[in-house]
PDB file of N, CA and C in Angstrom:
ATOM      1  N   MET A   1     -14.112 -21.922  59.295  1.00  0.00           N
ATOM      2  CA  MET A   1     -14.244 -21.180  58.057  1.00  0.00           C
ATOM      3  C   MET A   1     -13.364 -21.843  56.991  1.00  0.00           C
ATOM      4  N   SER A   2     -13.892 -21.991  55.803  1.00  0.00           N
ATOM      5  CA  SER A   2     -13.166 -22.576  54.681  1.00  0.00           C
ATOM      6  C   SER A   2     -12.674 -21.478  53.751  1.00  0.00           C
ATOM      7  N   VAL A   3     -11.530 -21.742  53.119  1.00  0.00           N
ATOM      8  CA  VAL A   3     -10.937 -20.786  52.188  1.00  0.00           C
ATOM      9  C   VAL A   3     -10.834 -21.462  50.829  1.00  0.00           C
ATOM     10  N   PHE A   4     -11.152 -20.687  49.774  1.00  0.00           N
ATOM     11  CA  PHE A   4     -11.135 -21.217  48.412  1.00  0.00           C
ATOM     12  C   PHE A   4     -10.292 -20.328  47.507  1.00  0.00           C
ATOM     13  N   TYR A   5      -9.571 -20.979  46.586  1.00  0.00           N
ATOM     14  CA  TYR A   5      -8.811 -20.286  45.549  1.00  0.00           C
ATOM     15  C   TYR A   5      -9.198 -20.930  44.226  1.00  0.00           C
ATOM     16  N   LYS A   6      -9.697 -20.120  43.306  1.00  0.00           N
ATOM     17  CA  LYS A   6     -10.196 -20.623  42.024  1.00  0.00           C
ATOM     18  C   LYS A   6     -11.221 -21.739  42.236  1.00  0.00           C
ATOM     19  N   ASN A   7     -12.139 -21.506  43.174  1.00  0.00           N
ATOM     20  CA  ASN A   7     -13.242 -22.420  43.503  1.00  0.00           C
ATOM     21  C   ASN A   7     -12.802 -23.768  44.076  1.00  0.00           C
ATOM     22  N   LYS A   8     -11.534 -23.873  44.513  1.00  0.00           N
ATOM     23  CA  LYS A   8     -11.055 -25.114  45.125  1.00  0.00           C
ATOM     24  C   LYS A   8     -10.623 -24.813  46.558  1.00  0.00           C
ATOM     25  N   PRO A   9     -10.942 -25.721  47.493  1.00  0.00           N
ATOM     26  CA  PRO A   9     -10.542 -25.488  48.889  1.00  0.00           C
ATOM     27  C   PRO A   9      -9.021 -25.521  49.038  1.00  0.00           C
ATOM     28  N   VAL A  10      -8.505 -24.626  49.862  1.00  0.00           N
ATOM     29  CA  VAL A  10      -7.066 -24.539  50.102  1.00  0.00           C
ATOM     30  C   VAL A  10      -6.800 -24.427  51.601  1.00  0.00           C
ATOM     31  N   THR A  11      -5.595 -24.777  51.982  1.00  0.00           N
ATOM     32  CA  THR A  11      -5.141 -24.635  53.355  1.00  0.00           C
ATOM     33  C   THR A  11      -4.236 -23.414  53.420  1.00  0.00           C
ATOM     34  N   VAL A  12      -4.640 -22.422  54.187  1.00  0.00           N
ATOM     35  CA  VAL A  12      -3.848 -21.196  54.288  1.00  0.00           C
ATOM     36  C   VAL A  12      -3.581 -20.865  55.758  1.00  0.00           C
ATOM     37  N   TRP A  13      -2.531 -20.076  55.956  1.00  0.00           N
ATOM     38  CA  TRP A  13      -2.181 -19.578  57.287  1.00  0.00           C
ATOM     39  C   TRP A  13      -1.748 -18.135  57.162  1.00  0.00           C
ATOM     40  N   ARG A  14      -2.353 -17.280  57.974  1.00  0.00           N
ATOM     41  CA  ARG A  14      -1.917 -15.886  58.045  1.00  0.00           C
ATOM     42  C   ARG A  14      -0.691 -15.866  58.932  1.00  0.00           C
ATOM     43  N   ILE A  15       0.418 -15.390  58.400  1.00  0.00           N
ATOM     44  CA  ILE A  15       1.686 -15.401  59.118  1.00  0.00           C
ATOM     45  C   ILE A  15       1.610 -14.455  60.308  1.00  0.00           C
ATOM     46  N   GLU A  16       1.754 -15.032  61.491  1.00  0.00           N
ATOM     47  CA  GLU A  16       1.689 -14.276  62.740  1.00  0.00           C
ATOM     48  C   GLU A  16       2.654 -14.880  63.739  1.00  0.00           C
ATOM     49  N   GLN A  17       3.191 -14.041  64.594  1.00  0.00           N
ATOM     50  CA  GLN A  17       4.025 -14.516  65.688  1.00  0.00           C
ATOM     51  C   GLN A  17       3.230 -14.415  66.982  1.00  0.00           C
ATOM     52  N   GLY A  18       3.439 -15.371  67.871  1.00  0.00           N
ATOM     53  CA  GLY A  18       2.817 -15.300  69.186  1.00  0.00           C
ATOM     54  C   GLY A  18       1.336 -15.621  69.226  1.00  0.00           C
ATOM     55  N   GLN A  19       0.780 -16.136  68.140  1.00  0.00           N
ATOM     56  CA  GLN A  19      -0.630 -16.518  68.084  1.00  0.00           C
ATOM     57  C   GLN A  19      -0.724 -18.038  67.968  1.00  0.00           C
ATOM     58  N   PRO A  20      -1.841 -18.624  68.385  1.00  0.00           N
ATOM     59  CA  PRO A  20      -2.007 -20.079  68.203  1.00  0.00           C
ATOM     60  C   PRO A  20      -1.859 -20.451  66.726  1.00  0.00           C
ATOM     61  N   GLN A  21      -1.221 -21.589  66.495  1.00  0.00           N
ATOM     62  CA  GLN A  21      -0.961 -22.040  65.125  1.00  0.00           C
ATOM     63  C   GLN A  21      -1.665 -23.364  64.866  1.00  0.00           C
ATOM     64  N   PRO A  22      -2.101 -23.563  63.615  1.00  0.00           N
ATOM     65  CA  PRO A  22      -2.658 -24.873  63.266  1.00  0.00           C
ATOM     66  C   PRO A  22      -1.571 -25.951  63.419  1.00  0.00           C
ATOM     67  N   ASP A  23      -1.994 -27.191  63.589  1.00  0.00           N
ATOM     68  CA  ASP A  23      -1.037 -28.290  63.771  1.00  0.00           C
ATOM     69  C   ASP A  23      -0.044 -28.405  62.620  1.00  0.00           C
ATOM     70  N   TRP A  24      -0.504 -28.203  61.381  1.00  0.00           N
ATOM     71  CA  TRP A  24       0.400 -28.349  60.248  1.00  0.00           C
ATOM     72  C   TRP A  24       1.484 -27.278  60.265  1.00  0.00           C
ATOM     73  N   VAL A  25       1.188 -26.095  60.782  1.00  0.00           N
ATOM     74  CA  VAL A  25       2.187 -25.025  60.891  1.00  0.00           C
ATOM     75  C   VAL A  25       3.186 -25.376  61.995  1.00  0.00           C
ATOM     76  N   LYS A  26       2.690 -25.873  63.127  1.00  0.00           N
ATOM     77  CA  LYS A  26       3.579 -26.298  64.218  1.00  0.00           C
ATOM     78  C   LYS A  26       4.565 -27.346  63.715  1.00  0.00           C
ATOM     79  N   GLN A  27       4.057 -28.285  62.928  1.00  0.00           N
ATOM     80  CA  GLN A  27       4.919 -29.341  62.386  1.00  0.00           C
ATOM     81  C   GLN A  27       5.988 -28.750  61.454  1.00  0.00           C
ATOM     82  N   CYS A  28       5.621 -27.726  60.679  1.00  0.00           N
ATOM     83  CA  CYS A  28       6.588 -27.077  59.783  1.00  0.00           C
ATOM     84  C   CYS A  28       7.721 -26.418  60.576  1.00  0.00           C
ATOM     85  N   PHE A  29       7.396 -25.819  61.712  1.00  0.00           N
ATOM     86  CA  PHE A  29       8.434 -25.240  62.556  1.00  0.00           C
ATOM     87  C   PHE A  29       9.298 -26.332  63.183  1.00  0.00           C
ATOM     88  N   GLU A  30       8.680 -27.445  63.571  1.00  0.00           N
ATOM     89  CA  GLU A  30       9.421 -28.550  64.191  1.00  0.00           C
ATOM     90  C   GLU A  30      10.409 -29.193  63.223  1.00  0.00           C
ATOM     91  N   ASN A  31      10.022 -29.311  61.945  1.00  0.00           N
ATOM     92  CA  ASN A  31      10.935 -29.936  60.982  1.00  0.00           C
ATOM     93  C   ASN A  31      11.764 -28.906  60.202  1.00  0.00           C
ATOM     94  N   ASN A  32      11.733 -27.659  60.663  1.00  0.00           N
ATOM     95  CA  ASN A  32      12.539 -26.562  60.107  1.00  0.00           C
ATOM     96  C   ASN A  32      12.211 -26.211  58.657  1.00  0.00           C
ATOM     97  N   SER A  33      10.994 -26.501  58.212  1.00  0.00           N
ATOM     98  CA  SER A  33      10.586 -26.035  56.888  1.00  0.00           C
ATOM     99  C   SER A  33      10.033 -24.610  56.971  1.00  0.00           C
ATOM    100  N   MET A  34       9.846 -24.108  58.208  1.00  0.00           N
ATOM    101  CA  MET A  34       9.542 -22.699  58.465  1.00  0.00           C
ATOM    102  C   MET A  34      10.468 -22.231  59.583  1.00  0.00           C
ATOM    103  N   ILE A  35      11.152 -21.094  59.331  1.00  0.00           N
ATOM    104  CA  ILE A  35      12.102 -20.569  60.302  1.00  0.00           C
ATOM    105  C   ILE A  35      11.946 -19.055  60.375  1.00  0.00           C
ATOM    106  N   TRP A  36      11.845 -18.527  61.601  1.00  0.00           N
ATOM    107  CA  TRP A  36      11.746 -17.075  61.796  1.00  0.00           C
ATOM    108  C   TRP A  36      13.106 -16.411  61.708  1.00  0.00           C
ATOM    109  N   TYR A  37      13.165 -15.282  61.047  1.00  0.00           N
ATOM    110  CA  TYR A  37      14.306 -14.372  61.035  1.00  0.00           C
ATOM    111  C   TYR A  37      13.740 -13.009  61.403  1.00  0.00           C
ATOM    112  N   ASP A  38      13.747 -12.676  62.688  1.00  0.00           N
ATOM    113  CA  ASP A  38      13.086 -11.479  63.211  1.00  0.00           C
ATOM    114  C   ASP A  38      11.604 -11.543  62.844  1.00  0.00           C
ATOM    115  N   ASN A  39      11.112 -10.580  62.044  1.00  0.00           N
ATOM    116  CA  ASN A  39       9.697 -10.619  61.659  1.00  0.00           C
ATOM    117  C   ASN A  39       9.509 -11.170  60.244  1.00  0.00           C
ATOM    118  N   LYS A  40      10.523 -11.807  59.694  1.00  0.00           N
ATOM    119  CA  LYS A  40      10.439 -12.467  58.390  1.00  0.00           C
ATOM    120  C   LYS A  40      10.391 -13.967  58.611  1.00  0.00           C
ATOM    121  N   LEU A  41       9.701 -14.646  57.731  1.00  0.00           N
ATOM    122  CA  LEU A  41       9.558 -16.091  57.829  1.00  0.00           C
ATOM    123  C   LEU A  41      10.080 -16.741  56.562  1.00  0.00           C
ATOM    124  N   LYS A  42      11.059 -17.620  56.721  1.00  0.00           N
ATOM    125  CA  LYS A  42      11.593 -18.393  55.597  1.00  0.00           C
ATOM    126  C   LYS A  42      10.792 -19.680  55.506  1.00  0.00           C
ATOM    127  N   ILE A  43      10.197 -19.927  54.339  1.00  0.00           N
ATOM    128  CA  ILE A  43       9.341 -21.093  54.133  1.00  0.00           C
ATOM    129  C   ILE A  43       9.948 -21.956  53.032  1.00  0.00           C
ATOM    130  N   LEU A  44      10.297 -23.180  53.366  1.00  0.00           N
ATOM    131  CA  LEU A  44      10.832 -24.121  52.387  1.00  0.00           C
ATOM    132  C   LEU A  44       9.652 -24.801  51.700  1.00  0.00           C
ATOM    133  N   VAL A  45       9.225 -24.231  50.599  1.00  0.00           N
ATOM    134  CA  VAL A  45       7.994 -24.637  49.913  1.00  0.00           C
ATOM    135  C   VAL A  45       8.060 -26.079  49.437  1.00  0.00           C
ATOM    136  N   LYS A  46       9.220 -26.552  49.018  1.00  0.00           N
ATOM    137  CA  LYS A  46       9.337 -27.904  48.470  1.00  0.00           C
ATOM    138  C   LYS A  46       9.003 -28.989  49.486  1.00  0.00           C
ATOM    139  N   VAL A  47       9.095 -28.681  50.777  1.00  0.00           N
ATOM    140  CA  VAL A  47       8.834 -29.663  51.816  1.00  0.00           C
ATOM    141  C   VAL A  47       7.357 -29.681  52.214  1.00  0.00           C
ATOM    142  N   ILE A  48       6.697 -28.540  52.096  1.00  0.00           N
ATOM    143  CA  ILE A  48       5.310 -28.410  52.539  1.00  0.00           C
ATOM    144  C   ILE A  48       4.385 -28.798  51.393  1.00  0.00           C
ATOM    145  N   ASN A  49       3.621 -29.853  51.586  1.00  0.00           N
ATOM    146  CA  ASN A  49       2.681 -30.332  50.570  1.00  0.00           C
ATOM    147  C   ASN A  49       3.365 -30.451  49.206  1.00  0.00           C
ATOM    148  N   PRO A  50       4.329 -31.365  49.064  1.00  0.00           N
ATOM    149  CA  PRO A  50       5.103 -31.474  47.825  1.00  0.00           C
ATOM    150  C   PRO A  50       4.242 -31.676  46.590  1.00  0.00           C
ATOM    151  N   SER A  51       4.664 -31.071  45.501  1.00  0.00           N
ATOM    152  CA  SER A  51       4.000 -31.203  44.206  1.00  0.00           C
ATOM    153  C   SER A  51       5.088 -31.303  43.145  1.00  0.00           C
ATOM    154  N   ALA A  52       5.101 -32.399  42.409  1.00  0.00           N
ATOM    155  CA  ALA A  52       6.149 -32.593  41.407  1.00  0.00           C
ATOM    156  C   ALA A  52       6.170 -31.466  40.383  1.00  0.00           C
ATOM    157  N   LYS A  53       5.000 -31.061  39.906  1.00  0.00           N
ATOM    158  CA  LYS A  53       4.926 -30.001  38.901  1.00  0.00           C
ATOM    159  C   LYS A  53       5.450 -28.679  39.464  1.00  0.00           C
ATOM    160  N   ARG A  54       4.978 -28.305  40.653  1.00  0.00           N
ATOM    161  CA  ARG A  54       5.410 -27.045  41.265  1.00  0.00           C
ATOM    162  C   ARG A  54       6.891 -27.091  41.626  1.00  0.00           C
ATOM    163  N   ASP A  55       7.355 -28.220  42.171  1.00  0.00           N
ATOM    164  CA  ASP A  55       8.745 -28.330  42.591  1.00  0.00           C
ATOM    165  C   ASP A  55       9.691 -28.304  41.399  1.00  0.00           C
ATOM    166  N   THR A  56       9.282 -28.889  40.277  1.00  0.00           N
ATOM    167  CA  THR A  56      10.095 -28.813  39.056  1.00  0.00           C
ATOM    168  C   THR A  56      10.195 -27.372  38.587  1.00  0.00           C
ATOM    169  N   LYS A  57       9.071 -26.668  38.617  1.00  0.00           N
ATOM    170  CA  LYS A  57       9.055 -25.261  38.224  1.00  0.00           C
ATOM    171  C   LYS A  57       9.977 -24.448  39.135  1.00  0.00           C
ATOM    172  N   LEU A  58       9.896 -24.681  40.445  1.00  0.00           N
ATOM    173  CA  LEU A  58      10.768 -23.963  41.383  1.00  0.00           C
ATOM    174  C   LEU A  58      12.230 -24.327  41.156  1.00  0.00           C
ATOM    175  N   GLY A  59      12.488 -25.602  40.873  1.00  0.00           N
ATOM    176  CA  GLY A  59      13.864 -26.034  40.623  1.00  0.00           C
ATOM    177  C   GLY A  59      14.445 -25.379  39.385  1.00  0.00           C
ATOM    178  N   LEU A  60      13.660 -25.298  38.316  1.00  0.00           N
ATOM    179  CA  LEU A  60      14.118 -24.631  37.099  1.00  0.00           C
ATOM    180  C   LEU A  60      14.345 -23.143  37.338  1.00  0.00           C
ATOM    181  N   LEU A  61      13.445 -22.522  38.102  1.00  0.00           N
ATOM    182  CA  LEU A  61      13.604 -21.111  38.433  1.00  0.00           C
ATOM    183  C   LEU A  61      14.863 -20.898  39.271  1.00  0.00           C
ATOM    184  N   ASP A  62      15.109 -21.790  40.236  1.00  0.00           N
ATOM    185  CA  ASP A  62      16.322 -21.697  41.056  1.00  0.00           C
ATOM    186  C   ASP A  62      17.571 -21.778  40.178  1.00  0.00           C
ATOM    187  N   THR A  63      17.565 -22.727  39.226  1.00  0.00           N
ATOM    188  CA  THR A  63      18.704 -22.900  38.336  1.00  0.00           C
ATOM    189  C   THR A  63      18.907 -21.655  37.477  1.00  0.00           C
ATOM    190  N   PHE A  64      17.821 -21.129  36.945  1.00  0.00           N
ATOM    191  CA  PHE A  64      17.890 -19.935  36.106  1.00  0.00           C
ATOM    192  C   PHE A  64      18.441 -18.745  36.881  1.00  0.00           C
ATOM    193  N   LEU A  65      18.015 -18.610  38.133  1.00  0.00           N
ATOM    194  CA  LEU A  65      18.452 -17.480  38.951  1.00  0.00           C
ATOM    195  C   LEU A  65      19.799 -17.728  39.625  1.00  0.00           C
ATOM    196  N   GLY A  66      20.311 -18.955  39.528  1.00  0.00           N
ATOM    197  CA  GLY A  66      21.624 -19.258  40.086  1.00  0.00           C
ATOM    198  C   GLY A  66      21.605 -19.661  41.546  1.00  0.00           C
ATOM    199  N   TYR A  67      20.452 -20.072  42.063  1.00  0.00           N
ATOM    200  CA  TYR A  67      20.378 -20.523  43.454  1.00  0.00           C
ATOM    201  C   TYR A  67      20.745 -21.994  43.520  1.00  0.00           C
ATOM    202  N   TYR A  68      21.177 -22.413  44.687  1.00  0.00           N
ATOM    203  CA  TYR A  68      21.419 -23.837  44.915  1.00  0.00           C
ATOM    204  C   TYR A  68      20.586 -24.269  46.114  1.00  0.00           C
ATOM    205  N   GLY A  69      19.773 -25.301  45.938  1.00  0.00           N
ATOM    206  CA  GLY A  69      18.969 -25.814  47.041  1.00  0.00           C
ATOM    207  C   GLY A  69      17.883 -24.850  47.474  1.00  0.00           C
ATOM    208  N   GLY A  70      17.390 -24.063  46.565  1.00  0.00           N
ATOM    209  CA  GLY A  70      16.378 -23.058  46.890  1.00  0.00           C
ATOM    210  C   GLY A  70      15.019 -23.670  47.105  1.00  0.00           C
ATOM    211  N   GLY A  71      14.001 -23.034  46.542  1.00  0.00           N
ATOM    212  CA  GLY A  71      12.650 -23.513  46.724  1.00  0.00           C
ATOM    213  C   GLY A  71      12.008 -22.942  47.963  1.00  0.00           C
ATOM    214  N   PHE A  72      12.571 -21.838  48.468  1.00  0.00           N
ATOM    215  CA  PHE A  72      11.963 -21.211  49.625  1.00  0.00           C
ATOM    216  C   PHE A  72      11.496 -19.811  49.273  1.00  0.00           C
ATOM    217  N   VAL A  73      10.568 -19.309  50.072  1.00  0.00           N
ATOM    218  CA  VAL A  73      10.087 -17.941  49.929  1.00  0.00           C
ATOM    219  C   VAL A  73      10.213 -17.260  51.285  1.00  0.00           C
ATOM    220  N   MET A  74      10.280 -15.941  51.273  1.00  0.00           N
ATOM    221  CA  MET A  74      10.362 -15.168  52.504  1.00  0.00           C
ATOM    222  C   MET A  74       9.073 -14.372  52.652  1.00  0.00           C
ATOM    223  N   GLY A  75       8.386 -14.583  53.764  1.00  0.00           N
ATOM    224  CA  GLY A  75       7.150 -13.864  54.047  1.00  0.00           C
ATOM    225  C   GLY A  75       7.333 -12.951  55.242  1.00  0.00           C
ATOM    226  N   THR A  76       6.408 -12.032  55.393  1.00  0.00           N
ATOM    227  CA  THR A  76       6.424 -11.150  56.549  1.00  0.00           C
ATOM    228  C   THR A  76       5.113 -11.309  57.313  1.00  0.00           C
ATOM    229  N   VAL A  77       5.120 -10.851  58.547  1.00  0.00           N
ATOM    230  CA  VAL A  77       3.915 -10.918  59.361  1.00  0.00           C
ATOM    231  C   VAL A  77       2.784 -10.203  58.617  1.00  0.00           C
ATOM    232  N   GLY A  78       1.628 -10.854  58.522  1.00  0.00           N
ATOM    233  CA  GLY A  78       0.475 -10.296  57.817  1.00  0.00           C
ATOM    234  C   GLY A  78       0.257 -10.907  56.446  1.00  0.00           C
ATOM    235  N   ASP A  79       1.311 -11.493  55.852  1.00  0.00           N
ATOM    236  CA  ASP A  79       1.150 -12.204  54.584  1.00  0.00           C
ATOM    237  C   ASP A  79       0.396 -13.505  54.844  1.00  0.00           C
ATOM    238  N   PHE A  80      -0.033 -14.156  53.777  1.00  0.00           N
ATOM    239  CA  PHE A  80      -0.702 -15.444  53.872  1.00  0.00           C
ATOM    240  C   PHE A  80       0.118 -16.482  53.117  1.00  0.00           C
ATOM    241  N   PHE A  81       0.212 -17.680  53.684  1.00  0.00           N
ATOM    242  CA  PHE A  81       0.867 -18.781  52.993  1.00  0.00           C
ATOM    243  C   PHE A  81      -0.194 -19.802  52.618  1.00  0.00           C
ATOM    244  N   ASP A  82      -0.319 -20.044  51.320  1.00  0.00           N
ATOM    245  CA  ASP A  82      -1.237 -21.038  50.771  1.00  0.00           C
ATOM    246  C   ASP A  82      -0.451 -22.337  50.631  1.00  0.00           C
ATOM    247  N   ALA A  83      -0.601 -23.232  51.592  1.00  0.00           N
ATOM    248  CA  ALA A  83       0.155 -24.484  51.594  1.00  0.00           C
ATOM    249  C   ALA A  83      -0.290 -25.415  50.471  1.00  0.00           C
ATOM    250  N   THR A  84      -1.539 -25.342  50.074  1.00  0.00           N
ATOM    251  CA  THR A  84      -2.056 -26.206  49.017  1.00  0.00           C
ATOM    252  C   THR A  84      -1.351 -25.943  47.695  1.00  0.00           C
ATOM    253  N   ASN A  85      -1.154 -24.665  47.367  1.00  0.00           N
ATOM    254  CA  ASN A  85      -0.539 -24.287  46.101  1.00  0.00           C
ATOM    255  C   ASN A  85       0.906 -23.830  46.238  1.00  0.00           C
ATOM    256  N   GLY A  86       1.439 -23.813  47.468  1.00  0.00           N
ATOM    257  CA  GLY A  86       2.822 -23.392  47.677  1.00  0.00           C
ATOM    258  C   GLY A  86       3.051 -21.944  47.316  1.00  0.00           C
ATOM    259  N   ARG A  87       2.087 -21.081  47.670  1.00  0.00           N
ATOM    260  CA  ARG A  87       2.158 -19.659  47.307  1.00  0.00           C
ATOM    261  C   ARG A  87       2.222 -18.793  48.552  1.00  0.00           C
ATOM    262  N   LEU A  88       3.032 -17.771  48.476  1.00  0.00           N
ATOM    263  CA  LEU A  88       3.038 -16.721  49.478  1.00  0.00           C
ATOM    264  C   LEU A  88       2.263 -15.557  48.884  1.00  0.00           C
ATOM    265  N   VAL A  89       1.265 -15.064  49.621  1.00  0.00           N
ATOM    266  CA  VAL A  89       0.359 -14.053  49.085  1.00  0.00           C
ATOM    267  C   VAL A  89       0.287 -12.869  50.043  1.00  0.00           C
ATOM    268  N   SER A  90       0.393 -11.662  49.504  1.00  0.00           N
ATOM    269  CA  SER A  90       0.241 -10.473  50.335  1.00  0.00           C
ATOM    270  C   SER A  90      -1.205 -10.370  50.812  1.00  0.00           C
ATOM    271  N   LYS A  91      -1.411  -9.616  51.866  1.00  0.00           N
ATOM    272  CA  LYS A  91      -2.759  -9.439  52.417  1.00  0.00           C
ATOM    273  C   LYS A  91      -3.700  -8.872  51.356  1.00  0.00           C
ATOM    274  N   LYS A  92      -3.234  -7.892  50.608  1.00  0.00           N
ATOM    275  CA  LYS A  92      -4.052  -7.244  49.572  1.00  0.00           C
ATOM    276  C   LYS A  92      -4.467  -8.256  48.496  1.00  0.00           C
ATOM    277  N   LYS A  93      -3.506  -9.041  47.992  1.00  0.00           N
ATOM    278  CA  LYS A  93      -3.826 -10.031  46.961  1.00  0.00           C
ATOM    279  C   LYS A  93      -4.713 -11.143  47.517  1.00  0.00           C
ATOM    280  N   PHE A  94      -4.477 -11.507  48.776  1.00  0.00           N
ATOM    281  CA  PHE A  94      -5.281 -12.575  49.367  1.00  0.00           C
ATOM    282  C   PHE A  94      -6.754 -12.220  49.332  1.00  0.00           C
ATOM    283  N   TYR A  95      -7.090 -11.018  49.783  1.00  0.00           N
ATOM    284  CA  TYR A  95      -8.506 -10.638  49.837  1.00  0.00           C
ATOM    285  C   TYR A  95      -9.107 -10.397  48.454  1.00  0.00           C
ATOM    286  N   LYS A  96      -8.276 -10.225  47.437  1.00  0.00           N
ATOM    287  CA  LYS A  96      -8.781 -10.104  46.060  1.00  0.00           C
ATOM    288  C   LYS A  96      -8.954 -11.459  45.392  1.00  0.00           C
ATOM    289  N   GLN A  97      -8.049 -12.392  45.674  1.00  0.00           N
ATOM    290  CA  GLN A  97      -8.007 -13.653  44.939  1.00  0.00           C
ATOM    291  C   GLN A  97      -8.651 -14.844  45.652  1.00  0.00           C
ATOM    292  N   TYR A  98      -8.819 -14.762  46.958  1.00  0.00           N
ATOM    293  CA  TYR A  98      -9.343 -15.875  47.737  1.00  0.00           C
ATOM    294  C   TYR A  98     -10.728 -15.567  48.264  1.00  0.00           C
ATOM    295  N   VAL A  99     -11.513 -16.609  48.479  1.00  0.00           N
ATOM    296  CA  VAL A  99     -12.867 -16.462  48.996  1.00  0.00           C
ATOM    297  C   VAL A  99     -12.958 -17.247  50.304  1.00  0.00           C
ATOM    298  N   MET A 100     -13.526 -16.606  51.309  1.00  0.00           N
ATOM    299  CA  MET A 100     -13.734 -17.262  52.614  1.00  0.00           C
ATOM    300  C   MET A 100     -15.224 -17.513  52.810  1.00  0.00           C
ATOM    301  N   LYS A 101     -15.572 -18.735  53.162  1.00  0.00           N
ATOM    302  CA  LYS A 101     -16.980 -19.104  53.379  1.00  0.00           C
ATOM    303  C   LYS A 101     -17.128 -19.758  54.727  1.00  0.00           C
TER     304      LYS A 101
END
């Protein structure tokens, strides 16, 4: 099944524990760009599918908010991570904004 956001194909993963994972997700856990904290998942967005434009935006946001070395998001089981766009999306927003074919 393919997933689309704004009519463009995207790579997404529904955050789940104990379920089979795509190879790219396994690799993220191996290189510590995804780390479990109980039922929360810390995702280092800057490492996954890097994008200069997105990473600059995240860096400026980190500076504005006073973070150092940020660029991560925290997801919970049931959320979706859009690796193509570096977005964490709730289940409700995912089914409104994304199309599965």
